[in-house]
Amino acid sequence: MENDQKRRVIIMSLAGLLFGSLFYMFGLSIQSSIFPTIVNYAIAIIMYISSFLAVHNNNKEKVKLFTYIEFLSIFMIILITIVLFNQLFL
């Protein structure tokens, strides 16, 4: 894989993680109802899964940075799921 393609995959996956986090934080900031939080949670999960799959499909050479971004995506999915359950049940 070329360096330019690696750079593009890394930037796009980190952008997906950033936008997923921003969508979810926006959903949490709306306190009037739980519906926006759930919708933005779904959007964030889709962004995180897309970032994970983009990195996972291009990690044929076992690049350590790609593996780190995969673990970061999984960690973010777990983190926002815990926050969502905390918002719903407490």
N, C-alpha and C. Protein backbone atom coordinates (compact mmCIF):
# COMPACT_ATOMS: atom_id res chain seq x y z
N MET A 1 0.83 -1.16 0.00
CA MET A 1 0.00 0.00 0.00
C MET A 1 0.89 1.24 0.00
N GLU A 2 0.54 2.20 -0.80
CA GLU A 2 1.32 3.42 -0.91
C GLU A 2 1.12 4.30 0.33
N ASN A 3 2.10 5.16 0.56
CA ASN A 3 2.02 6.07 1.70
C ASN A 3 0.85 7.04 1.58
N ASP A 4 0.55 7.47 0.35
CA ASP A 4 -0.55 8.39 0.16
C ASP A 4 -1.88 7.73 0.50
N GLN A 5 -2.04 6.46 0.14
CA GLN A 5 -3.27 5.75 0.45
C GLN A 5 -3.37 5.49 1.95
N LYS A 6 -2.26 5.16 2.61
CA LYS A 6 -2.27 4.98 4.07
C LYS A 6 -2.69 6.26 4.76
N ARG A 7 -2.11 7.37 4.31
CA ARG A 7 -2.44 8.67 4.91
C ARG A 7 -3.92 8.98 4.73
N ARG A 8 -4.46 8.70 3.56
CA ARG A 8 -5.87 8.97 3.30
C ARG A 8 -6.77 8.11 4.20
N VAL A 9 -6.43 6.86 4.37
CA VAL A 9 -7.23 5.97 5.23
C VAL A 9 -7.18 6.46 6.67
N ILE A 10 -6.01 6.85 7.15
CA ILE A 10 -5.87 7.32 8.52
C ILE A 10 -6.67 8.60 8.74
N ILE A 11 -6.55 9.54 7.83
CA ILE A 11 -7.26 10.81 7.98
C ILE A 11 -8.77 10.60 7.93
N MET A 12 -9.24 9.78 7.02
CA MET A 12 -10.68 9.55 6.90
C MET A 12 -11.24 8.81 8.11
N SER A 13 -10.49 7.85 8.64
CA SER A 13 -10.98 7.12 9.80
C SER A 13 -10.99 7.99 11.04
N LEU A 14 -9.96 8.83 11.22
CA LEU A 14 -9.95 9.75 12.35
C LEU A 14 -11.04 10.82 12.21
N ALA A 15 -11.31 11.24 10.98
CA ALA A 15 -12.40 12.19 10.76
C ALA A 15 -13.75 11.55 11.09
N GLY A 16 -13.92 10.28 10.76
CA GLY A 16 -15.14 9.57 11.11
C GLY A 16 -15.32 9.47 12.62
N LEU A 17 -14.23 9.21 13.33
CA LEU A 17 -14.30 9.17 14.79
C LEU A 17 -14.65 10.54 15.36
N LEU A 18 -14.05 11.59 14.81
CA LEU A 18 -14.33 12.94 15.28
C LEU A 18 -15.78 13.32 15.04
N PHE A 19 -16.27 13.11 13.82
CA PHE A 19 -17.64 13.49 13.51
C PHE A 19 -18.65 12.65 14.30
N GLY A 20 -18.36 11.38 14.50
CA GLY A 20 -19.24 10.56 15.33
C GLY A 20 -19.32 11.09 16.75
N SER A 21 -18.18 11.49 17.29
CA SER A 21 -18.17 12.05 18.65
C SER A 21 -18.92 13.38 18.71
N LEU A 22 -18.72 14.21 17.71
CA LEU A 22 -19.42 15.50 17.69
C LEU A 22 -20.93 15.33 17.57
N PHE A 23 -21.38 14.40 16.72
CA PHE A 23 -22.82 14.13 16.61
C PHE A 23 -23.38 13.66 17.94
N TYR A 24 -22.67 12.77 18.60
CA TYR A 24 -23.18 12.25 19.86
C TYR A 24 -23.20 13.33 20.95
N MET A 25 -22.17 14.15 21.01
CA MET A 25 -22.16 15.24 22.00
C MET A 25 -23.29 16.23 21.73
N PHE A 26 -23.58 16.48 20.46
CA PHE A 26 -24.70 17.34 20.12
C PHE A 26 -26.01 16.73 20.60
N GLY A 27 -26.18 15.43 20.43
CA GLY A 27 -27.38 14.76 20.90
C GLY A 27 -27.52 14.81 22.41
N LEU A 28 -26.40 14.70 23.12
CA LEU A 28 -26.43 14.79 24.57
C LEU A 28 -26.76 16.19 25.06
N SER A 29 -26.39 17.20 24.29
CA SER A 29 -26.62 18.58 24.73
C SER A 29 -28.09 18.98 24.65
N ILE A 30 -28.88 18.27 23.88
CA ILE A 30 -30.31 18.57 23.78
C ILE A 30 -31.01 17.84 24.92
N GLN A 31 -31.50 18.59 25.89
CA GLN A 31 -32.07 18.00 27.10
C GLN A 31 -33.59 17.87 27.06
N SER A 32 -34.25 18.33 26.00
CA SER A 32 -35.71 18.33 25.98
C SER A 32 -36.31 16.93 25.84
N SER A 33 -35.62 16.04 25.11
CA SER A 33 -36.15 14.69 24.92
C SER A 33 -35.00 13.72 24.70
N ILE A 34 -35.31 12.45 24.81
CA ILE A 34 -34.28 11.41 24.63
C ILE A 34 -34.15 11.01 23.16
N PHE A 35 -35.12 11.36 22.34
CA PHE A 35 -35.10 10.97 20.92
C PHE A 35 -33.87 11.49 20.17
N PRO A 36 -33.49 12.78 20.31
CA PRO A 36 -32.27 13.23 19.60
C PRO A 36 -31.01 12.50 20.06
N THR A 37 -30.96 12.13 21.32
CA THR A 37 -29.80 11.40 21.83
C THR A 37 -29.70 10.04 21.16
N ILE A 38 -30.82 9.36 21.03
CA ILE A 38 -30.81 8.02 20.42
C ILE A 38 -30.48 8.11 18.93
N VAL A 39 -31.04 9.10 18.24
CA VAL A 39 -30.75 9.27 16.80
C VAL A 39 -29.27 9.57 16.59
N ASN A 40 -28.73 10.49 17.38
CA ASN A 40 -27.32 10.83 17.23
C ASN A 40 -26.41 9.70 17.70
N TYR A 41 -26.88 8.88 18.63
CA TYR A 41 -26.14 7.67 19.02
C TYR A 41 -26.03 6.73 17.82
N ALA A 42 -27.14 6.54 17.11
CA ALA A 42 -27.13 5.66 15.94
C ALA A 42 -26.20 6.20 14.86
N ILE A 43 -26.22 7.50 14.65
CA ILE A 43 -25.33 8.11 13.66
C ILE A 43 -23.87 7.92 14.07
N ALA A 44 -23.58 8.13 15.36
CA ALA A 44 -22.21 7.96 15.86
C ALA A 44 -21.74 6.52 15.72
N ILE A 45 -22.60 5.56 16.03
CA ILE A 45 -22.23 4.14 15.90
C ILE A 45 -21.93 3.81 14.44
N ILE A 46 -22.73 4.33 13.53
CA ILE A 46 -22.48 4.09 12.11
C ILE A 46 -21.13 4.68 11.69
N MET A 47 -20.83 5.88 12.17
CA MET A 47 -19.54 6.51 11.85
C MET A 47 -18.38 5.70 12.43
N TYR A 48 -18.52 5.23 13.66
CA TYR A 48 -17.45 4.45 14.29
C TYR A 48 -17.23 3.12 13.58
N ILE A 49 -18.32 2.46 13.22
CA ILE A 49 -18.19 1.18 12.52
C ILE A 49 -17.58 1.39 11.14
N SER A 50 -17.97 2.47 10.47
CA SER A 50 -17.37 2.77 9.17
C SER A 50 -15.88 3.03 9.28
N SER A 51 -15.49 3.76 10.32
CA SER A 51 -14.05 4.03 10.54
C SER A 51 -13.31 2.74 10.83
N PHE A 52 -13.91 1.89 11.66
CA PHE A 52 -13.28 0.62 11.99
C PHE A 52 -13.09 -0.24 10.74
N LEU A 53 -14.14 -0.34 9.94
CA LEU A 53 -14.07 -1.19 8.75
C LEU A 53 -13.09 -0.64 7.71
N ALA A 54 -13.02 0.68 7.58
CA ALA A 54 -12.07 1.27 6.63
C ALA A 54 -10.64 0.93 7.02
N VAL A 55 -10.35 1.01 8.30
CA VAL A 55 -8.99 0.70 8.75
C VAL A 55 -8.74 -0.80 8.70
N HIS A 56 -9.74 -1.58 9.11
CA HIS A 56 -9.57 -3.04 9.15
C HIS A 56 -9.36 -3.63 7.76
N ASN A 57 -10.10 -3.12 6.78
CA ASN A 57 -9.97 -3.63 5.41
C ASN A 57 -8.64 -3.25 4.76
N ASN A 58 -8.00 -2.19 5.24
CA ASN A 58 -6.73 -1.75 4.66
C ASN A 58 -5.54 -2.16 5.51
N ASN A 59 -5.75 -2.96 6.53
CA ASN A 59 -4.66 -3.36 7.43
C ASN A 59 -4.10 -4.73 7.03
N LYS A 60 -3.71 -4.86 5.79
CA LYS A 60 -3.16 -6.13 5.31
C LYS A 60 -1.71 -6.31 5.73
N GLU A 61 -1.01 -5.20 5.93
CA GLU A 61 0.41 -5.27 6.29
C GLU A 61 0.62 -5.20 7.80
N LYS A 62 -0.46 -5.20 8.58
CA LYS A 62 -0.42 -5.14 10.05
C LYS A 62 0.34 -3.91 10.54
N VAL A 63 -0.11 -2.75 10.08
CA VAL A 63 0.47 -1.48 10.51
C VAL A 63 -0.03 -1.19 11.92
N LYS A 64 0.88 -0.81 12.82
CA LYS A 64 0.51 -0.62 14.21
C LYS A 64 -0.44 0.55 14.41
N LEU A 65 -0.31 1.59 13.60
CA LEU A 65 -1.21 2.72 13.71
C LEU A 65 -2.64 2.33 13.33
N PHE A 66 -2.78 1.48 12.33
CA PHE A 66 -4.11 0.99 11.95
C PHE A 66 -4.72 0.18 13.09
N THR A 67 -3.92 -0.66 13.73
CA THR A 67 -4.42 -1.46 14.85
C THR A 67 -4.84 -0.55 15.99
N TYR A 68 -4.08 0.50 16.25
CA TYR A 68 -4.43 1.46 17.30
C TYR A 68 -5.76 2.13 16.99
N ILE A 69 -5.99 2.51 15.75
CA ILE A 69 -7.25 3.17 15.39
C ILE A 69 -8.41 2.18 15.49
N GLU A 70 -8.18 0.90 15.20
CA GLU A 70 -9.22 -0.10 15.38
C GLU A 70 -9.62 -0.20 16.85
N PHE A 71 -8.62 -0.26 17.75
CA PHE A 71 -8.93 -0.32 19.18
C PHE A 71 -9.59 0.97 19.66
N LEU A 72 -9.20 2.10 19.12
CA LEU A 72 -9.81 3.36 19.48
C LEU A 72 -11.29 3.39 19.07
N SER A 73 -11.59 2.85 17.91
CA SER A 73 -12.99 2.78 17.46
C SER A 73 -13.82 1.90 18.39
N ILE A 74 -13.28 0.75 18.75
CA ILE A 74 -14.00 -0.15 19.66
C ILE A 74 -14.19 0.51 21.02
N PHE A 75 -13.15 1.18 21.52
CA PHE A 75 -13.25 1.86 22.81
C PHE A 75 -14.33 2.95 22.77
N MET A 76 -14.40 3.70 21.69
CA MET A 76 -15.40 4.76 21.59
C MET A 76 -16.82 4.19 21.52
N ILE A 77 -16.99 3.06 20.84
CA ILE A 77 -18.30 2.42 20.79
C ILE A 77 -18.73 2.01 22.19
N ILE A 78 -17.83 1.40 22.93
CA ILE A 78 -18.14 0.98 24.30
C ILE A 78 -18.43 2.19 25.18
N LEU A 79 -17.64 3.24 25.04
CA LEU A 79 -17.80 4.44 25.87
C LEU A 79 -19.15 5.12 25.64
N ILE A 80 -19.52 5.34 24.38
CA ILE A 80 -20.78 6.04 24.16
C ILE A 80 -21.98 5.15 24.47
N THR A 81 -21.82 3.83 24.39
CA THR A 81 -22.91 2.94 24.79
C THR A 81 -23.13 3.02 26.30
N ILE A 82 -22.06 3.07 27.07
CA ILE A 82 -22.18 3.22 28.52
C ILE A 82 -22.84 4.56 28.87
N VAL A 83 -22.45 5.62 28.17
CA VAL A 83 -23.04 6.93 28.43
C VAL A 83 -24.52 6.94 28.06
N LEU A 84 -24.88 6.30 26.97
CA LEU A 84 -26.29 6.23 26.57
C LEU A 84 -27.11 5.49 27.62
N PHE A 85 -26.64 4.34 28.09
CA PHE A 85 -27.37 3.61 29.11
C PHE A 85 -27.46 4.40 30.41
N ASN A 86 -26.42 5.16 30.71
CA ASN A 86 -26.46 6.02 31.88
C ASN A 86 -27.52 7.10 31.73
N GLN A 87 -27.65 7.68 30.54
CA GLN A 87 -28.67 8.69 30.29
C GLN A 87 -30.07 8.10 30.34
N LEU A 88 -30.24 6.89 29.82
CA LEU A 88 -31.57 6.30 29.74
C LEU A 88 -32.07 5.81 31.08
N PHE A 89 -31.22 5.20 31.89
CA PHE A 89 -31.69 4.51 33.08
C PHE A 89 -31.38 5.21 34.39
N LEU A 90 -30.68 6.32 34.38
CA LEU A 90 -30.40 7.04 35.63
C LEU A 90 -30.96 8.43 35.61
